[in-house]
C-alpha cells in the first residue's frame, strides 16, 4: 500500500509539466503536418510547410495566451497567414513574415498598435480585407512589393503613421477603403497603371497628398473615392472613366489635367471642385475637347472664376444697372464694361485724347481709336485699342490659363 501511493504521486508529478506544455504549442494548419505553433517567453513561433488555417476573432489556438505574446515569428515554409490569426494582439511589438508566404488573410494583423514597422515579403500576391487595419504604430514608408496583385477592403485603413506609400504596377485591383484614413501620407500618390476601378472611399481622408495621378487604365471611380484629400494641388483624371457622386469632394486642385468630356462629371453632382490659387489663378490642362466653352457657360455668372481661369481679363469690371464705373488695373480703366446707365470714365492714361460713343453708357472718354468685343458673360463689353484688339482676338497661352495638351 505504501509503495503504491508513492508510485501514484510520481505519475502525477511527471504528468504536470506535460499538461502545461500542451497549452503553449499545437497545430494550426489546414492539415496536421502543415503548420505548428509554439509560445516561449512571449515569442509566438509559427512553423511548418504549408498553409495556416483560417480562424474567427476568438478561435485561434493561442487566443487565451494573446495578452502575454510580445513577438510573432512566422518561419520560412509557411505559405499563408490565416484569417484573424493575430487579431487585436495588443502586446505584440514585432512581426516577422518570411518570403514563403503567398497570401495574408482577412483581419490577420488587424489592430496591433505596438508594431512600428512591417515588411511584406516579395512573395505575397494577395492581401485580405482589413489585413493591416489600424496598425497605427507603423511609421515612415510602407512599400507594397511587386508581387502583390490584389488588395482587399480596408486592408491598410487607419495606418495613420505611414508617411510614404508605394503601390506597385503589379496591383490590378483594390477594394473600397483600402487606404482610407492614412492621414500621414504626404507628397505624390500614383495609382498603378493596370488598375481598372477604384472603389468607394478607397483613398478618403489622405489629407497630406499634394499630387494625384490616375492612369488611363481606370474606367470607374467610386463614390467618395478621394473624399477630403484637401492637400492636392495637382490632379490628373483619365478620359473615359466614370466618376461617382462626391468622388472628389474636398479635392480642389489649382492645376487640373482633364478632358472636356470629364469636366461635367468632375464638377457635377458634388464630385469635385476648382480652387483659386494664391496667385488668383486656376490652371486647367485640357487633354481633349472644348473645355473653354463648357467653363464659360458653367461660370457665366461668376466673373471671379472666369478671371481665375483666364477666360476674361481680370481688370474687366462688370457694371450693374445705371452704373457709373471707373476702371482699375494696369491701364487705369482700359477695360471697363458699363451697365444700362449713364457714364463710364477711363483712367489717367485713357483720358483727353478724344471720345467715342460708349458701350453700355452714354459717354466714354478714352483713346481715340476704340473697338468693342463681346464677352460671353451677360452685360460685359470689352474695350480695346485697335492694336490691342488684334493682339487678343484669338486666345493664346499668355492670355488664357486654359491650356490644351
Protein backbone atom coordinates (compact mmCIF):
# COMPACT_ATOMS: atom_id res chain seq x y z
CA UNK A 1 0.00 0.00 0.00
CA UNK A 2 2.79 2.38 0.84
CA UNK A 3 4.69 1.67 -2.40
CA UNK A 4 1.58 2.05 -4.50
CA UNK A 5 0.92 5.51 -3.06
CA UNK A 6 4.45 6.68 -3.91
CA UNK A 7 4.08 5.40 -7.46
CA UNK A 8 0.84 7.27 -7.91
CA UNK A 9 2.39 10.51 -6.68
CA UNK A 10 5.30 10.12 -9.07
CA UNK A 11 2.95 9.72 -12.02
CA UNK A 12 1.09 12.87 -11.03
CA UNK A 13 4.32 14.85 -10.73
CA UNK A 14 5.56 13.64 -14.12
CA UNK A 15 2.33 14.48 -15.98
CA UNK A 16 2.02 18.04 -14.67
CA UNK A 17 4.79 19.65 -16.86
CA UNK A 18 3.43 17.85 -19.93
CA UNK A 19 -0.02 19.27 -19.31
CA UNK A 20 1.45 22.77 -19.05
CA UNK A 21 3.36 22.35 -22.35
CA UNK A 22 0.16 21.42 -24.16
CA UNK A 23 -1.23 24.92 -23.54
CA UNK A 24 1.68 26.64 -25.33
CA UNK A 25 2.03 24.63 -28.54
CA UNK A 26 -0.06 22.81 -31.08
CA UNK A 27 -1.12 22.61 -34.72
CA UNK A 28 -2.51 25.49 -36.76
CA UNK A 29 -2.50 24.16 -40.31
CA UNK A 30 -5.18 23.15 -42.74
CA UNK A 31 -3.65 19.69 -42.41
CA UNK A 32 -1.98 18.24 -39.33
CA UNK A 33 1.56 18.47 -40.70
CA UNK A 34 1.22 21.82 -42.50
CA UNK A 35 1.64 24.24 -39.64
CA UNK A 36 2.53 24.26 -35.95
CA UNK A 37 2.79 26.89 -33.26
CA UNK A 38 4.69 27.30 -30.03
CA UNK A 39 4.91 30.03 -27.42
CA UNK A 40 8.07 30.60 -25.39
CA UNK A 41 8.90 33.66 -23.31
CA UNK A 42 6.40 35.82 -25.16
CA UNK A 43 7.55 34.77 -28.66
CA UNK A 44 4.90 33.06 -30.77
CA UNK A 45 6.54 30.95 -33.49
CA UNK A 46 4.62 29.58 -36.47
CA UNK A 47 6.46 26.83 -38.36
CA UNK A 48 5.79 24.14 -40.92
CA UNK A 49 5.46 23.59 -44.66
CA UNK A 50 2.02 24.69 -45.73
CA UNK A 51 -0.94 26.97 -45.19
CA UNK A 52 -2.29 28.16 -41.88
CA UNK A 53 -5.88 27.51 -41.01
CA UNK A 54 -8.44 30.34 -41.07
CA UNK A 55 -9.98 31.38 -37.76
CA UNK A 56 -12.63 33.67 -36.31
CA UNK A 57 -11.92 36.59 -33.96
CA UNK A 58 -11.71 34.38 -30.86
CA UNK A 59 -10.97 30.88 -32.15
CA UNK A 60 -7.24 30.97 -32.98
CA UNK A 61 -5.45 28.46 -30.73
CA UNK A 62 -3.29 30.98 -28.86
CA UNK A 63 -6.27 33.21 -28.07
CA UNK A 64 -6.14 32.53 -24.32
CA UNK A 65 -2.42 33.45 -24.28
CA UNK A 66 -2.56 36.50 -26.55
CA UNK A 67 -2.04 39.03 -23.76
CA UNK A 68 1.37 37.51 -23.00
CA UNK A 69 2.63 37.49 -26.60
CA UNK A 70 5.12 40.25 -27.48
CA UNK A 71 6.57 38.94 -30.76
CA UNK A 72 5.29 36.92 -33.74
CA UNK A 73 7.77 34.98 -35.88
CA UNK A 74 6.45 33.14 -38.92
CA UNK A 75 9.15 30.80 -40.18
CA UNK A 76 10.06 30.02 -43.80
CA UNK A 77 7.94 27.22 -45.17
CA UNK A 78 4.60 28.60 -44.07
CA UNK A 79 2.70 29.54 -47.24
CA UNK A 80 -0.22 31.58 -45.92
CA UNK A 81 -1.34 33.50 -42.85
CA UNK A 82 -4.88 32.63 -41.85
CA UNK A 83 -7.87 34.88 -41.25
CA UNK A 84 -7.85 36.55 -37.80
CA UNK A 85 -4.55 34.81 -36.98
CA UNK A 86 -3.19 37.64 -34.81
CA UNK A 87 -6.26 39.81 -34.37
CA UNK A 88 -6.00 42.52 -31.69
CA UNK A 89 -2.87 41.13 -30.07
CA UNK A 90 -2.20 44.41 -28.31
CA UNK A 91 1.09 43.43 -26.68
CA UNK A 92 2.91 42.50 -29.89
CA UNK A 93 5.73 44.88 -30.89
CA UNK A 94 7.39 42.96 -33.73
CA UNK A 95 6.23 40.74 -36.59
CA UNK A 96 8.33 38.66 -39.00
CA UNK A 97 6.82 37.36 -42.26
CA UNK A 98 9.01 35.07 -44.42
CA UNK A 99 9.29 35.09 -48.21
CA UNK A 100 7.44 31.78 -48.45
CA UNK A 101 4.10 33.41 -47.59
CA UNK A 102 1.90 33.97 -50.64
CA UNK A 103 -1.28 35.27 -49.07
CA UNK A 104 -2.24 37.23 -45.95
CA UNK A 105 -5.76 36.52 -44.72
CA UNK A 106 -8.61 38.71 -43.62
CA UNK A 107 -8.04 40.70 -40.39
CA UNK A 108 -4.76 38.84 -39.92
CA UNK A 109 -2.84 41.69 -38.24
CA UNK A 110 -5.78 43.96 -37.51
CA UNK A 111 -5.46 46.48 -34.66
CA UNK A 112 -1.97 45.75 -33.40
CA UNK A 113 -0.88 49.26 -32.38
CA UNK A 114 2.52 48.39 -30.86
CA UNK A 115 4.26 47.39 -34.10
CA UNK A 116 6.33 50.26 -35.54
CA UNK A 117 7.41 48.68 -38.85
CA UNK A 118 6.15 45.94 -41.12
CA UNK A 119 7.85 44.26 -44.07
CA UNK A 120 5.67 42.50 -46.61
CA UNK A 121 7.88 40.00 -48.48
CA UNK A 122 8.16 39.84 -52.24
CA UNK A 123 6.27 36.55 -52.35
CA UNK A 124 2.86 37.80 -51.24
CA UNK A 125 0.33 38.05 -54.08
CA UNK A 126 -2.86 38.88 -52.17
CA UNK A 127 -3.66 40.87 -49.05
CA UNK A 128 -7.07 40.23 -47.48
CA UNK A 129 -9.74 42.54 -46.15
CA UNK A 130 -8.61 44.57 -43.10
CA UNK A 131 -5.35 42.63 -43.02
CA UNK A 132 -3.37 45.56 -41.54
CA UNK A 133 -6.34 47.64 -40.42
CA UNK A 134 -5.48 50.33 -37.84
CA UNK A 135 -1.89 49.30 -37.25
CA UNK A 136 -1.45 52.86 -36.06
CA UNK A 137 2.08 52.40 -34.71
CA UNK A 138 3.69 51.70 -38.11
CA UNK A 139 5.79 54.72 -39.07
CA UNK A 140 7.53 56.01 -42.17
CA UNK A 141 7.49 54.23 -45.52
CA UNK A 142 5.12 51.41 -46.41
CA UNK A 143 6.16 49.54 -49.53
CA UNK A 144 3.83 47.03 -51.11
CA UNK A 145 6.02 44.61 -53.10
CA UNK A 146 5.84 44.00 -56.84
CA UNK A 147 4.41 40.52 -56.27
CA UNK A 148 1.07 41.82 -54.92
CA UNK A 149 -1.81 41.87 -57.41
CA UNK A 150 -4.87 42.36 -55.19
CA UNK A 151 -5.56 44.35 -52.03
CA UNK A 152 -8.73 43.78 -50.03
CA UNK A 153 -11.31 46.07 -48.50
CA UNK A 154 -9.85 48.35 -45.77
CA UNK A 155 -6.57 46.40 -45.95
CA UNK A 156 -4.42 49.34 -44.81
CA UNK A 157 -7.14 51.60 -43.45
CA UNK A 158 -6.22 53.79 -40.49
CA UNK A 159 -2.43 53.32 -40.67
CA UNK A 160 -2.02 56.94 -39.61
CA UNK A 161 1.74 56.83 -39.00
CA UNK A 162 2.67 55.94 -42.60
CA UNK A 163 4.14 58.99 -44.36
CA UNK A 164 5.10 57.47 -47.71
CA UNK A 165 3.11 54.85 -49.64
CA UNK A 166 4.35 52.89 -52.65
CA UNK A 167 1.81 50.89 -54.67
CA UNK A 168 3.47 48.85 -57.45
CA UNK A 169 2.23 48.45 -61.01
CA UNK A 170 1.62 44.76 -60.31
CA UNK A 171 -1.53 45.71 -58.36
CA UNK A 172 -4.57 45.43 -60.63
CA UNK A 173 -7.33 45.79 -58.07
CA UNK A 174 -8.00 47.18 -54.62
CA UNK A 175 -11.30 47.27 -52.83
CA UNK A 176 -13.06 50.20 -51.18
CA UNK A 177 -11.46 51.84 -48.14
CA UNK A 178 -8.18 50.06 -48.90
CA UNK A 179 -6.11 53.13 -47.93
CA UNK A 180 -8.75 55.19 -46.15
CA UNK A 181 -7.70 57.40 -43.21
CA UNK A 182 -3.98 57.07 -43.91
CA UNK A 183 -3.71 60.69 -42.86
CA UNK A 184 0.08 60.82 -42.58
CA UNK A 185 0.82 60.12 -46.26
CA UNK A 186 2.37 63.16 -47.98
CA UNK A 187 3.70 64.11 -51.40
CA UNK A 188 2.86 62.35 -54.63
CA UNK A 189 0.41 59.46 -54.98
CA UNK A 190 0.40 57.45 -58.18
CA UNK A 191 -2.34 54.92 -58.87
CA UNK A 192 -0.74 51.92 -60.62
CA UNK A 193 -1.30 51.54 -64.33
CA UNK A 194 -3.42 48.43 -64.76
CA UNK A 195 -5.95 49.26 -62.06
CA UNK A 196 -9.36 49.43 -63.74
CA UNK A 197 -11.60 50.51 -60.87
CA UNK A 198 -11.26 52.47 -57.63
CA UNK A 199 -13.85 51.61 -55.00
CA UNK A 200 -15.87 53.63 -52.52
CA UNK A 201 -13.73 55.64 -50.06
CA UNK A 202 -10.54 53.98 -51.27
CA UNK A 203 -8.26 56.97 -50.59
CA UNK A 204 -10.58 59.10 -48.45
CA UNK A 205 -9.01 61.43 -45.88
CA UNK A 206 -5.43 61.11 -47.13
CA UNK A 207 -5.03 64.79 -46.31
CA UNK A 208 -1.28 65.20 -46.97
CA UNK A 209 -1.13 64.17 -50.60
CA UNK A 210 -0.24 67.09 -52.90
CA UNK A 211 -0.10 65.42 -56.34
CA UNK A 212 -2.55 62.77 -57.54
CA UNK A 213 -2.29 60.93 -60.87
CA UNK A 214 -4.95 58.46 -62.03
CA UNK A 215 -3.89 56.40 -65.09
CA UNK A 216 -5.83 55.82 -68.30
CA UNK A 217 -6.46 52.21 -67.31
CA UNK A 218 -9.00 53.33 -64.67
CA UNK A 219 -12.55 53.11 -66.03
CA UNK A 220 -14.52 53.53 -62.82
CA UNK A 221 -14.04 55.84 -59.83
CA UNK A 222 -16.40 55.07 -56.95
CA UNK A 223 -18.34 57.38 -54.67
CA UNK A 224 -16.17 59.33 -52.20
CA UNK A 225 -13.09 57.58 -53.60
CA UNK A 226 -10.84 60.58 -52.93
CA UNK A 227 -13.03 62.35 -50.40
CA UNK A 228 -11.35 65.06 -48.36
CA UNK A 229 -7.90 64.83 -49.97
CA UNK A 230 -7.60 68.51 -49.14
CA UNK A 231 -3.88 68.92 -49.80
CA UNK A 232 -3.98 68.07 -53.51
CA UNK A 233 -2.72 70.91 -55.71
CA UNK A 234 -2.26 68.88 -58.91
CA UNK A 235 -4.75 66.31 -60.21
CA UNK A 236 -4.85 64.24 -63.40
CA UNK A 237 -8.09 62.45 -64.36
CA UNK A 238 -8.20 59.96 -67.25
CA UNK A 239 -10.55 60.36 -70.17
CA UNK A 240 -13.49 57.96 -70.22
CA UNK A 241 -13.55 56.98 -66.54
CA UNK A 242 -16.94 57.15 -64.85
CA UNK A 243 -16.87 59.38 -61.78
CA UNK A 244 -19.05 58.51 -58.79
CA UNK A 245 -21.00 61.01 -56.75
CA UNK A 246 -18.83 63.06 -54.39
CA UNK A 247 -15.75 61.22 -55.63
CA UNK A 248 -13.56 64.32 -55.33
CA UNK A 249 -15.34 66.35 -52.65
CA UNK A 250 -12.70 68.38 -50.81
CA UNK A 251 -10.19 67.91 -53.64
CA UNK A 252 -9.73 71.39 -55.10
CA UNK A 253 -6.54 71.42 -57.19
CA UNK A 254 -5.12 74.61 -58.64
CA UNK A 255 -3.87 72.56 -61.60
CA UNK A 256 -6.27 70.09 -63.20
CA UNK A 257 -5.47 67.88 -66.19
CA UNK A 258 -8.72 66.64 -67.69
CA UNK A 259 -10.71 66.24 -70.91
CA UNK A 260 -13.74 68.31 -71.81
CA UNK A 261 -15.95 65.24 -71.58
CA UNK A 262 -14.86 64.68 -67.96
CA UNK A 263 -15.31 68.25 -66.76
CA UNK A 264 -19.05 67.94 -66.34
CA UNK A 265 -18.71 64.69 -64.38
CA UNK A 266 -15.92 66.11 -62.26
CA UNK A 267 -17.71 69.37 -61.42
CA UNK A 268 -21.22 67.95 -61.28
CA UNK A 269 -23.19 66.15 -58.54
CA UNK A 270 -20.75 67.27 -55.90
CA UNK A 271 -17.97 65.21 -57.46
CA UNK A 272 -15.25 67.81 -57.08
CA UNK A 273 -14.33 71.46 -57.39
CA UNK A 274 -11.86 74.08 -58.51
CA UNK A 275 -9.80 76.25 -56.20
CA UNK A 276 -8.40 79.67 -56.95
CA UNK A 277 -4.73 79.63 -56.04
CA UNK A 278 -2.83 82.23 -54.05
CA UNK A 279 -1.92 83.86 -57.36
CA UNK A 280 -5.61 84.24 -58.23
CA UNK A 281 -5.39 81.62 -60.96
CA UNK A 282 -6.67 78.16 -61.81
CA UNK A 283 -4.72 76.13 -64.37
CA UNK A 284 -6.66 73.63 -66.45
CA UNK A 285 -4.81 71.48 -68.96
CA UNK A 286 -7.42 70.24 -71.41
CA UNK A 287 -6.37 66.88 -72.88
CA UNK A 288 -9.17 66.77 -75.48
CA UNK A 289 -12.38 68.54 -76.49
CA UNK A 290 -13.53 72.10 -75.84
CA UNK A 291 -13.05 72.81 -72.16
CA UNK A 292 -13.27 76.55 -72.70
CA UNK A 293 -16.86 76.60 -73.93
CA UNK A 294 -18.06 74.42 -71.08
CA UNK A 295 -16.34 76.52 -68.43
CA UNK A 296 -17.62 79.78 -69.89
CA UNK A 297 -21.16 78.51 -69.71
CA UNK A 298 -20.84 76.96 -66.25
CA UNK A 299 -19.35 80.09 -64.69
CA UNK A 300 -21.09 82.67 -66.86
CA UNK A 301 -22.38 84.50 -63.78
CA UNK A 302 -19.16 84.20 -61.79
CA UNK A 303 -16.65 86.77 -63.03
CA UNK A 304 -14.15 85.79 -60.30
CA UNK A 305 -13.93 82.22 -61.59
CA UNK A 306 -13.82 83.36 -65.21
CA UNK A 307 -10.95 85.69 -64.38
CA UNK A 308 -9.11 82.95 -62.44
CA UNK A 309 -9.46 80.65 -65.44
CA UNK A 310 -8.18 83.38 -67.74
CA UNK A 311 -11.44 83.48 -69.67
CA UNK A 312 -11.91 87.20 -69.07
CA UNK A 313 -9.40 89.90 -68.30
CA UNK A 314 -9.06 90.21 -64.50
CA UNK A 315 -9.19 94.01 -64.94
CA UNK A 316 -12.64 93.87 -66.50
CA UNK A 317 -15.35 95.33 -64.28
CA UNK A 318 -18.95 94.32 -64.68
CA UNK A 319 -21.45 97.12 -64.06
CA UNK A 320 -24.97 96.91 -62.77
CA UNK A 321 -27.96 98.91 -63.94
CA UNK A 322 -27.40 102.67 -64.44
CA UNK A 323 -23.87 102.46 -63.08
CA UNK A 324 -21.07 104.99 -63.03
CA UNK A 325 -17.85 102.93 -63.05
CA UNK A 326 -14.19 103.81 -63.07
CA UNK A 327 -11.66 101.28 -64.26
CA UNK A 328 -8.84 99.79 -62.28
CA UNK A 329 -5.74 97.88 -63.13
CA UNK A 330 -2.66 98.47 -65.20
CA UNK A 331 -4.41 100.68 -67.76
CA UNK A 332 -6.49 102.56 -65.18
CA UNK A 333 -9.79 101.97 -66.86
CA UNK A 334 -8.57 100.50 -70.10
CA UNK A 335 -11.14 97.65 -69.87
CA UNK A 336 -14.46 98.78 -68.40
CA UNK A 337 -17.96 97.50 -69.11
CA UNK A 338 -20.93 99.59 -68.15
CA UNK A 339 -24.48 98.65 -67.35
CA UNK A 340 -27.52 100.22 -68.89
CA UNK A 341 -26.63 103.57 -67.43
CA UNK A 342 -25.01 106.79 -67.93
CA UNK A 343 -21.27 107.37 -67.89
CA UNK A 344 -18.12 105.20 -67.87
CA UNK A 345 -14.83 107.01 -67.45
CA UNK A 346 -11.31 105.89 -68.23
CA UNK A 347 -8.30 106.49 -66.02
CA UNK A 348 -5.41 108.82 -66.42
CA UNK A 349 -3.86 107.05 -69.36
CA UNK A 350 -7.08 106.97 -71.31
CA UNK A 351 -8.48 110.47 -70.99
CA UNK A 352 -8.09 113.63 -73.04
CA UNK A 353 -7.41 112.16 -76.48
CA UNK A 354 -10.88 112.08 -77.91
CA UNK A 355 -14.12 110.35 -77.23
CA UNK A 356 -16.40 107.80 -78.80
CA UNK A 357 -19.91 106.76 -78.01
CA UNK A 358 -19.74 104.35 -75.11
CA UNK A 359 -20.85 100.74 -74.88
CA UNK A 360 -23.29 100.29 -72.01
CA UNK A 361 -23.28 104.04 -71.21
CA UNK A 362 -23.90 107.28 -72.94
CA UNK A 363 -20.38 108.72 -72.79
CA UNK A 364 -16.97 107.11 -72.67
CA UNK A 365 -13.75 109.06 -72.61
CA UNK A 366 -10.73 107.10 -73.67
CA UNK A 367 -8.33 106.59 -76.53
CA UNK A 368 -9.18 107.94 -79.95
CA UNK A 369 -9.32 104.54 -81.63
CA UNK A 370 -11.59 102.04 -79.88
CA UNK A 371 -13.26 98.82 -80.93
CA UNK A 372 -15.50 96.53 -78.96
CA UNK A 373 -15.52 92.79 -78.44
CA UNK A 374 -18.36 90.96 -76.74
CA UNK A 375 -17.60 88.72 -73.78
CA UNK A 376 -19.69 85.64 -73.01
CA UNK A 377 -20.81 86.90 -69.63
CA UNK A 378 -24.04 88.89 -69.71
CA UNK A 379 -23.60 92.66 -69.67
CA UNK A 380 -19.85 92.52 -70.22
CA UNK A 381 -18.35 94.53 -73.09
CA UNK A 382 -14.62 94.90 -73.53
CA UNK A 383 -12.91 98.00 -74.94
CA UNK A 384 -9.58 97.83 -76.72
CA UNK A 385 -7.43 99.97 -78.94
CA UNK A 386 -7.17 98.64 -82.49
CA UNK A 387 -3.75 97.22 -81.72
CA UNK A 388 -4.97 95.55 -78.54
CA UNK A 389 -7.94 94.03 -80.31
CA UNK A 390 -5.70 92.46 -82.90
CA UNK A 391 -3.49 91.04 -80.18
CA UNK A 392 -6.27 89.35 -78.22
CA UNK A 393 -8.70 88.38 -80.95
CA UNK A 394 -7.60 84.77 -80.58
CA UNK A 395 -6.87 83.12 -77.20
CA UNK A 396 -3.23 82.36 -76.63
CA UNK A 397 -1.25 80.69 -73.88
CA UNK A 398 -0.34 84.04 -72.45
CA UNK A 399 -3.88 85.39 -72.45
CA UNK A 400 -5.70 82.27 -71.26
CA UNK A 401 -4.59 79.99 -68.45
CA UNK A 402 -6.72 77.28 -70.01
CA UNK A 403 -4.17 75.21 -71.88
CA UNK A 404 -4.51 72.38 -74.37
CA UNK A 405 -2.29 69.37 -74.23
